[in-house]
Amino acid sequence: MPASNSLLLDTSVVIAFFRNEPTVVATLTNMDSLYLPLVALGELNLGLERAQNKARAKRALEELLSFVNVLYPDLETATLYGRIKAKLMADGNPIPDNDIWIAATALQTGLPLATRDAHFDHVDEITKLHV
């Protein structure tokens, strides 16, 4: 069970953290526990592969992994993904598939999602923290 002072991290917030953006750094360092969906880790690895300074990007990612808990999708995550995507399609509010997986993880765990992406506002069932 996640600590009450916990956040699920969207890729956009991790990138802002890597850039040392003060609001994001302050928010994340005041949390008891931080969680990262596996799909967000995949997006961060894509960024590492495309980085001009791969060694620096790799060090930043390794440091992140030393203090976040990676959450893996399971059958319940997949069920929630389908439900969220169907509702977004019906409402005419598509968002990127990876972000639907992230939203499904937030819904499954009950963790607030720290994000900088406004399209998560279309997913009413999750709690968002815009930082």
Protein backbone atom coordinates (compact mmCIF):
# COMPACT_ATOMS: atom_id res chain seq x y z
CA MET A 1 0.00 0.00 0.00
CA PRO A 2 1.51 3.35 -1.05
CA ALA A 3 2.28 5.93 1.63
CA SER A 4 -0.26 8.74 1.90
CA ASN A 5 2.37 11.29 0.85
CA SER A 6 3.09 9.58 -2.48
CA LEU A 7 2.96 10.44 -6.16
CA LEU A 8 2.87 8.59 -9.45
CA LEU A 9 5.19 10.32 -11.91
CA ASP A 10 4.39 11.11 -15.51
CA THR A 11 7.33 11.32 -17.91
CA SER A 12 6.87 15.09 -18.27
CA VAL A 13 7.50 15.62 -14.55
CA VAL A 14 10.59 13.41 -14.54
CA ILE A 15 12.03 15.42 -17.44
CA ALA A 16 11.36 18.65 -15.52
CA PHE A 17 13.05 17.07 -12.48
CA PHE A 18 16.09 16.18 -14.61
CA ARG A 19 16.18 19.84 -15.69
CA ASN A 20 16.22 20.90 -12.02
CA GLU A 21 13.01 22.94 -12.33
CA PRO A 22 12.55 24.32 -8.78
CA THR A 23 8.80 23.67 -8.39
CA VAL A 24 9.14 20.06 -9.48
CA VAL A 25 12.27 19.42 -7.40
CA ALA A 26 10.58 20.88 -4.30
CA THR A 27 7.41 18.84 -4.86
CA LEU A 28 9.18 15.53 -5.40
CA THR A 29 11.70 15.91 -2.59
CA ASN A 30 8.85 16.48 -0.11
CA MET A 31 7.22 13.14 -0.91
CA ASP A 32 7.57 9.99 1.18
CA SER A 33 7.33 7.70 -1.86
CA LEU A 34 7.53 8.15 -5.61
CA TYR A 35 6.25 5.68 -8.18
CA LEU A 36 7.02 5.38 -11.89
CA PRO A 37 4.87 3.40 -14.33
CA LEU A 38 6.86 0.97 -16.47
CA VAL A 39 5.64 2.69 -19.64
CA ALA A 40 7.09 6.01 -18.40
CA LEU A 41 10.40 4.23 -17.83
CA GLY A 42 10.23 3.10 -21.45
CA GLU A 43 9.70 6.69 -22.58
CA LEU A 44 12.66 7.81 -20.46
CA ASN A 45 14.82 5.08 -22.01
CA LEU A 46 13.82 6.38 -25.45
CA GLY A 47 15.02 9.81 -24.36
CA LEU A 48 18.28 8.29 -23.16
CA GLU A 49 18.84 6.60 -26.52
CA ARG A 50 18.23 9.89 -28.35
CA ALA A 51 20.23 12.09 -25.95
CA GLN A 52 23.29 13.93 -27.18
CA ASN A 53 25.06 13.14 -23.91
CA LYS A 54 24.05 9.53 -23.31
CA ALA A 55 26.39 9.08 -20.36
CA ARG A 56 24.81 12.00 -18.48
CA ALA A 57 21.28 10.83 -19.36
CA LYS A 58 22.12 7.30 -18.20
CA ARG A 59 23.46 8.60 -14.86
CA ALA A 60 20.32 10.69 -14.33
CA LEU A 61 18.08 7.69 -15.07
CA GLU A 62 20.10 5.40 -12.79
CA GLU A 63 19.86 7.97 -9.99
CA LEU A 64 16.10 8.22 -10.49
CA LEU A 65 15.76 4.45 -10.30
CA SER A 66 17.56 4.47 -6.95
CA PHE A 67 14.67 6.31 -5.26
CA VAL A 68 11.50 5.55 -7.23
CA ASN A 69 9.41 2.39 -7.21
CA VAL A 70 8.68 1.07 -10.71
CA LEU A 71 5.11 -0.19 -11.13
CA TYR A 72 4.44 -2.99 -13.61
CA PRO A 73 1.15 -3.36 -15.49
CA ASP A 74 -0.97 -6.44 -14.89
CA LEU A 75 -4.38 -7.75 -15.95
CA GLU A 76 -6.21 -5.11 -13.91
CA THR A 77 -4.12 -2.36 -15.51
CA ALA A 78 -5.05 -3.71 -18.94
CA THR A 79 -8.75 -3.75 -18.03
CA LEU A 80 -8.58 -0.16 -16.82
CA TYR A 81 -6.65 0.85 -19.95
CA GLY A 82 -9.49 -0.48 -22.11
CA ARG A 83 -12.14 1.27 -20.02
CA ILE A 84 -10.31 4.62 -20.05
CA LYS A 85 -9.53 4.48 -23.77
CA ALA A 86 -13.12 3.58 -24.68
CA LYS A 87 -14.44 6.54 -22.66
CA LEU A 88 -11.92 8.94 -24.18
CA MET A 89 -12.83 7.74 -27.68
CA ALA A 90 -16.56 8.07 -26.97
CA ASP A 91 -16.01 11.59 -25.65
CA GLY A 92 -13.84 12.58 -28.62
CA ASN A 93 -10.82 13.21 -26.40
CA PRO A 94 -8.06 10.88 -27.58
CA ILE A 95 -4.73 11.01 -25.76
CA PRO A 96 -1.50 9.11 -26.51
CA ASP A 97 -1.69 5.38 -25.73
CA ASN A 98 1.28 5.49 -23.34
CA ASP A 99 -0.52 8.15 -21.32
CA ILE A 100 -3.60 5.95 -21.14
CA TRP A 101 -1.41 3.23 -19.59
CA ILE A 102 -0.09 5.81 -17.12
CA ALA A 103 -3.65 6.91 -16.30
CA ALA A 104 -4.69 3.27 -15.84
CA THR A 105 -1.82 2.82 -13.37
CA ALA A 106 -2.95 5.93 -11.47
CA LEU A 107 -6.52 4.66 -11.33
CA GLN A 108 -5.44 1.17 -10.25
CA THR A 109 -3.19 2.38 -7.44
CA GLY A 110 -5.22 5.40 -6.34
CA LEU A 111 -2.04 7.48 -6.49
CA PRO A 112 -2.24 11.13 -7.57
CA LEU A 113 -0.53 11.64 -10.93
CA ALA A 114 2.13 14.35 -11.06
CA THR A 115 2.08 15.66 -14.62
CA ARG A 116 2.59 18.64 -16.86
CA ASP A 117 0.34 17.28 -19.60
CA ALA A 118 -3.11 18.89 -19.73
CA HIS A 119 -4.64 16.01 -21.68
CA PHE A 120 -4.76 13.96 -18.47
CA ASP A 121 -7.58 16.34 -17.44
CA HIS A 122 -9.80 14.33 -19.80
CA VAL A 123 -9.43 11.33 -17.48
CA ASP A 124 -11.91 12.27 -14.75
CA GLU A 125 -11.36 9.16 -12.64
CA ILE A 126 -7.81 10.03 -11.57
CA THR A 127 -6.40 12.70 -9.27
CA LYS A 128 -3.93 15.00 -11.01
CA LEU A 129 -1.26 17.26 -9.55
CA HIS A 130 -0.07 19.76 -12.14
CA VAL A 131 3.46 20.84 -11.24
